[in-house]
């Protein structure tokens, strides 16, 4: 995917806000931004499945709650 500079800036801002929420333990807010990132980066079902498996392995499947 070829992104315009504005798109890169937007994604960078969303990514850093996502990381801030994650570090602060604000899971609901982080999950909302994760959905934005997945959409913008055109994540495949396989990408989401892989991430869901890792989440289930380490924290009880939190991603499955949002993406099933």
Protein backbone atom coordinates (compact mmCIF):
# COMPACT_ATOMS: atom_id res chain seq x y z
CA UNK A 1 0.00 0.00 0.00
CA UNK A 2 1.34 3.43 -0.91
CA UNK A 3 0.37 6.06 1.64
CA UNK A 4 0.34 9.80 1.15
CA UNK A 5 2.32 11.84 3.73
CA UNK A 6 -0.91 12.93 5.42
CA UNK A 7 -1.99 9.31 5.74
CA UNK A 8 1.36 8.39 7.28
CA UNK A 9 1.01 11.19 9.79
CA UNK A 10 -2.51 10.09 10.66
CA UNK A 11 -1.45 6.47 11.10
CA UNK A 12 1.55 7.49 13.20
CA UNK A 13 -0.67 9.58 15.48
CA UNK A 14 -3.21 6.76 15.85
CA UNK A 15 -0.42 4.24 16.53
CA UNK A 16 1.19 6.36 19.24
CA UNK A 17 -2.18 7.08 20.87
CA UNK A 18 -2.91 3.33 20.75
CA UNK A 19 0.41 2.62 22.47
CA UNK A 20 -0.27 5.28 25.11
CA UNK A 21 -3.65 3.71 25.88
CA UNK A 22 -2.12 0.23 25.98
CA UNK A 23 0.61 1.25 28.41
CA UNK A 24 -1.90 3.10 30.58
CA UNK A 25 -4.12 -0.01 30.75
CA UNK A 26 -6.99 1.68 28.93
CA UNK A 27 -8.02 -1.41 26.99
CA UNK A 28 -11.35 -0.13 25.66
CA UNK A 29 -9.76 2.95 24.09
CA UNK A 30 -6.83 0.93 22.74
CA UNK A 31 -9.20 -1.58 21.09
CA UNK A 32 -11.09 1.23 19.37
CA UNK A 33 -7.87 2.57 17.89
CA UNK A 34 -6.76 -0.94 16.99
CA UNK A 35 -9.85 -1.27 14.80
CA UNK A 36 -8.93 1.99 13.05
CA UNK A 37 -5.38 0.78 12.43
CA UNK A 38 -6.56 -2.60 11.14
CA UNK A 39 -8.93 -0.89 8.73
CA UNK A 40 -6.39 1.64 7.45
CA UNK A 41 -3.71 -1.00 7.01
CA UNK A 42 -6.16 -3.39 5.36
CA UNK A 43 -5.48 -6.23 7.78
CA UNK A 44 -6.49 -9.60 6.38
CA UNK A 45 -8.65 -12.13 8.21
CA UNK A 46 -5.46 -14.17 8.60
CA UNK A 47 -3.73 -11.21 10.30
CA UNK A 48 -6.61 -10.84 12.73
CA UNK A 49 -6.76 -14.58 13.39
CA UNK A 50 -3.05 -14.69 14.17
CA UNK A 51 -3.33 -11.77 16.57
CA UNK A 52 -6.41 -13.28 18.20
CA UNK A 53 -4.53 -16.54 18.82
CA UNK A 54 -1.67 -14.69 20.48
CA UNK A 55 -4.06 -12.63 22.60
CA UNK A 56 -5.88 -15.78 23.71
CA UNK A 57 -2.57 -17.36 24.62
CA UNK A 58 -1.44 -14.43 26.77
CA UNK A 59 -4.57 -12.77 28.15
CA UNK A 60 -7.66 -14.89 27.76
CA UNK A 61 -8.80 -13.95 24.27
CA UNK A 62 -9.62 -10.29 24.78
CA UNK A 63 -9.48 -9.62 21.02
CA UNK A 64 -12.09 -12.28 20.37
CA UNK A 65 -14.59 -10.25 22.36
CA UNK A 66 -14.30 -7.40 19.88
CA UNK A 67 -13.78 -9.21 16.57
CA UNK A 68 -16.16 -12.16 16.56
